[in-house]
């Protein structure tokens, strides 16, 4: 079991927990919360795989993802208050997750022979569309549509990865550096309240 796979599972767990907690806060029952957790965790990857013609989609060929989502459901209901106290840690792992899912989505799309711009787009879809589906289903404005720097951090991470692949012959290091790029941009943007929001002229 390599470290990228472990991070993928951890990212899936954190995404699922974020979805489940959002559903609980919106007064969903356990079935509804399970569905929201699942679409948050694997919705982006599922959409990507369907768009690039890779079926069955990734999580259907590895039951560890399903067990991870079930574990997220149990953890969310049993330890909700403790998890909420770990918001900073959750933010950190969530950001690692979007960085990792961006690069994995990019790589998978390139592996089926699609062009680089499409691969970048599919990388971003992998990272953010689970959250979009979660927010739409729970009647919230999706984070990607608000002022926070989110998808743009994924875009920069994807471009960094593509650049590194041209100059460094170390796939693992290139992936790690690209993920860290996303993490750093997200952290700095939240800490310093950066945004890409345009202000209309009066």
Protein backbone atom coordinates (compact mmCIF):
# COMPACT_ATOMS: atom_id res chain seq x y z
CA UNK A 1 0.00 0.00 0.00
CA UNK A 2 1.74 3.20 -1.17
CA UNK A 3 1.48 6.61 0.46
CA UNK A 4 -0.59 8.12 -2.36
CA UNK A 5 -3.25 5.43 -1.88
CA UNK A 6 -3.24 6.03 1.89
CA UNK A 7 -3.71 9.77 1.34
CA UNK A 8 -6.49 9.02 -1.13
CA UNK A 9 -8.32 6.98 1.53
CA UNK A 10 -7.74 9.69 4.16
CA UNK A 11 -9.01 12.34 1.74
CA UNK A 12 -12.10 10.24 1.06
CA UNK A 13 -12.70 9.90 4.81
CA UNK A 14 -12.42 13.63 5.44
CA UNK A 15 -14.62 14.54 2.47
CA UNK A 16 -17.23 12.04 3.61
CA UNK A 17 -17.19 13.39 7.18
CA UNK A 18 -17.58 16.96 5.92
CA UNK A 19 -20.59 15.92 3.86
CA UNK A 20 -22.18 13.96 6.68
CA UNK A 21 -21.72 16.77 9.21
CA UNK A 22 -23.25 19.24 6.75
CA UNK A 23 -26.22 16.91 6.33
CA UNK A 24 -26.62 16.49 10.09
CA UNK A 25 -26.59 20.27 10.54
CA UNK A 26 -29.32 20.46 7.87
CA UNK A 27 -31.47 17.97 9.84
CA UNK A 28 -31.08 15.09 7.37
CA UNK A 29 -31.79 11.61 8.70
CA UNK A 30 -29.11 8.90 8.71
CA UNK A 31 -29.99 7.73 5.19
CA UNK A 32 -29.82 11.26 3.83
CA UNK A 33 -26.56 11.91 5.66
CA UNK A 34 -25.10 8.71 4.21
CA UNK A 35 -25.98 9.80 0.69
CA UNK A 36 -24.55 13.29 1.20
CA UNK A 37 -21.36 11.83 2.65
CA UNK A 38 -20.98 9.48 -0.28
CA UNK A 39 -21.52 12.07 -3.01
CA UNK A 40 -19.13 14.44 -1.25
CA UNK A 41 -16.42 11.79 -1.05
CA UNK A 42 -16.68 10.19 -4.48
CA UNK A 43 -18.94 12.49 -6.51
CA UNK A 44 -16.10 14.33 -8.23
CA UNK A 45 -14.22 11.17 -9.14
CA UNK A 46 -17.40 9.51 -10.34
CA UNK A 47 -18.27 12.41 -12.63
CA UNK A 48 -14.70 12.49 -13.97
CA UNK A 49 -14.66 8.76 -14.74
CA UNK A 50 -18.04 8.94 -16.48
CA UNK A 51 -16.93 11.91 -18.59
CA UNK A 52 -13.71 10.21 -19.72
CA UNK A 53 -15.40 6.85 -20.29
CA UNK A 54 -13.72 4.92 -17.47
CA UNK A 55 -16.32 2.50 -16.11
CA UNK A 56 -16.95 0.97 -13.67
CA UNK A 57 -15.95 4.15 -11.86
CA UNK A 58 -12.98 3.98 -9.50
CA UNK A 59 -14.66 3.46 -6.13
CA UNK A 60 -16.73 0.56 -7.48
CA UNK A 61 -13.60 -1.49 -8.11
CA UNK A 62 -12.16 -1.04 -4.61
CA UNK A 63 -14.40 -1.73 -1.60
CA UNK A 64 -12.02 0.15 0.70
CA UNK A 65 -13.66 3.39 -0.43
CA UNK A 66 -17.10 2.13 0.55
CA UNK A 67 -15.84 0.95 3.96
CA UNK A 68 -14.18 4.34 4.42
CA UNK A 69 -17.48 6.13 3.83
CA UNK A 70 -19.24 3.80 6.28
CA UNK A 71 -16.51 4.53 8.84
CA UNK A 72 -17.02 8.25 8.24
CA UNK A 73 -20.73 7.86 8.96
CA UNK A 74 -20.06 6.09 12.26
CA UNK A 75 -17.37 8.57 13.32
CA UNK A 76 -19.58 11.54 12.47
CA UNK A 77 -22.48 10.35 14.61
CA UNK A 78 -20.44 8.96 17.49
CA UNK A 79 -17.84 11.71 17.78
CA UNK A 80 -19.51 14.75 16.22
CA UNK A 81 -18.51 17.19 18.98
CA UNK A 82 -14.90 16.01 19.06
CA UNK A 83 -14.62 16.24 15.27
CA UNK A 84 -16.02 19.78 15.30
CA UNK A 85 -13.24 20.74 17.72
CA UNK A 86 -10.74 19.55 15.13
CA UNK A 87 -11.91 21.96 12.42
CA UNK A 88 -8.38 23.21 11.75
CA UNK A 89 -7.11 19.67 11.31
CA UNK A 90 -10.11 18.86 9.12
CA UNK A 91 -9.37 21.90 6.98
CA UNK A 92 -5.77 20.72 6.60
CA UNK A 93 -6.76 17.21 5.50
CA UNK A 94 -9.54 18.55 3.29
CA UNK A 95 -6.99 20.75 1.53
CA UNK A 96 -4.61 17.82 1.13
CA UNK A 97 -7.57 15.93 -0.32
CA UNK A 98 -8.38 18.49 -2.99
CA UNK A 99 -4.69 18.73 -3.89
CA UNK A 100 -4.36 14.97 -4.20
CA UNK A 101 -7.64 14.49 -6.07
CA UNK A 102 -6.64 17.22 -8.52
CA UNK A 103 -3.39 15.48 -9.41
CA UNK A 104 -4.89 11.98 -9.48
CA UNK A 105 -7.72 13.18 -11.72
CA UNK A 106 -5.23 14.92 -14.00
CA UNK A 107 -3.08 11.80 -14.25
CA UNK A 108 -6.01 9.48 -14.92
CA UNK A 109 -7.32 11.71 -17.70
CA UNK A 110 -3.90 11.93 -19.34
CA UNK A 111 -3.59 8.14 -19.13
CA UNK A 112 -6.59 7.68 -21.44
CA UNK A 113 -5.02 9.94 -24.05
CA UNK A 114 -6.98 13.17 -23.62
CA UNK A 115 -5.39 16.57 -24.11
CA UNK A 116 -3.76 18.55 -21.30
CA UNK A 117 -6.47 21.26 -20.99
CA UNK A 118 -9.13 18.56 -20.60
CA UNK A 119 -6.93 16.72 -18.09
CA UNK A 120 -6.56 19.89 -16.00
CA UNK A 121 -10.32 20.44 -16.10
CA UNK A 122 -10.98 16.84 -15.04
CA UNK A 123 -8.47 17.21 -12.22
CA UNK A 124 -10.42 20.17 -10.89
CA UNK A 125 -13.71 18.30 -11.36
CA UNK A 126 -12.29 15.43 -9.28
CA UNK A 127 -11.39 17.80 -6.46
CA UNK A 128 -14.36 20.14 -6.23
CA UNK A 129 -17.51 18.59 -7.66
CA UNK A 130 -18.20 16.38 -4.68
CA UNK A 131 -18.40 19.55 -2.59
CA UNK A 132 -20.60 21.24 -5.17
CA UNK A 133 -23.07 18.34 -5.14
CA UNK A 134 -23.04 18.36 -1.32
CA UNK A 135 -23.80 22.06 -1.13
CA UNK A 136 -26.53 21.96 -3.78
CA UNK A 137 -28.28 19.02 -2.09
CA UNK A 138 -28.12 20.75 1.32
CA UNK A 139 -29.36 24.06 -0.12
CA UNK A 140 -26.12 26.02 0.29
CA UNK A 141 -24.16 28.18 -2.13
CA UNK A 142 -21.25 25.98 -3.27
CA UNK A 143 -17.87 27.04 -1.92
CA UNK A 144 -16.43 27.19 -5.44
CA UNK A 145 -18.95 29.93 -6.31
CA UNK A 146 -18.08 32.07 -3.30
CA UNK A 147 -15.13 34.38 -2.86
CA UNK A 148 -12.72 31.83 -1.38
CA UNK A 149 -9.79 30.70 -3.51
CA UNK A 150 -10.58 27.03 -4.08
CA UNK A 151 -10.70 25.78 -7.67
CA UNK A 152 -7.99 28.26 -8.65
CA UNK A 153 -5.66 26.64 -6.09
CA UNK A 154 -6.31 23.30 -7.80
CA UNK A 155 -5.56 24.88 -11.16
CA UNK A 156 -2.19 26.18 -9.97
CA UNK A 157 -1.38 22.78 -8.44
CA UNK A 158 -2.18 21.05 -11.72
CA UNK A 159 0.02 23.45 -13.68
CA UNK A 160 2.88 22.97 -11.20
CA UNK A 161 2.60 19.20 -11.61
CA UNK A 162 2.67 19.40 -15.39
CA UNK A 163 5.71 21.69 -15.26
CA UNK A 164 7.58 19.46 -12.82
CA UNK A 165 6.90 16.40 -14.96
CA UNK A 166 8.86 18.09 -17.74
CA UNK A 167 11.97 18.75 -15.64
CA UNK A 168 12.04 16.15 -12.85
CA UNK A 169 11.99 12.40 -13.34
CA UNK A 170 10.42 11.67 -9.97
CA UNK A 171 6.68 11.15 -10.13
CA UNK A 172 6.15 10.89 -6.36
CA UNK A 173 8.07 14.09 -5.59
CA UNK A 174 6.24 15.94 -8.35
CA UNK A 175 2.91 14.84 -6.88
CA UNK A 176 3.93 15.85 -3.36
CA UNK A 177 5.18 19.30 -4.41
CA UNK A 178 2.01 19.93 -6.42
CA UNK A 179 -0.19 18.92 -3.48
CA UNK A 180 1.77 21.20 -1.16
CA UNK A 181 1.27 24.03 -3.64
CA UNK A 182 -2.50 23.64 -3.31
CA UNK A 183 -2.26 23.40 0.49
CA UNK A 184 -0.12 26.53 0.77
CA UNK A 185 -2.33 28.58 -1.56
CA UNK A 186 -5.50 27.52 0.30
CA UNK A 187 -3.95 28.18 3.71
CA UNK A 188 -2.61 31.61 2.78
CA UNK A 189 -5.82 32.63 1.02
CA UNK A 190 -7.97 31.76 4.05
CA UNK A 191 -5.52 33.26 6.55
CA UNK A 192 -5.14 36.50 4.59
CA UNK A 193 -8.70 36.63 3.27
CA UNK A 194 -7.59 36.58 -0.37
CA UNK A 195 -10.25 36.24 -3.02
CA UNK A 196 -10.86 36.58 -6.75
CA UNK A 197 -14.15 38.38 -6.19
CA UNK A 198 -14.72 41.31 -8.50
CA UNK A 199 -16.36 44.41 -7.11
CA UNK A 200 -18.90 46.05 -9.36
CA UNK A 201 -18.33 49.71 -10.16
CA UNK A 202 -20.87 52.10 -8.77
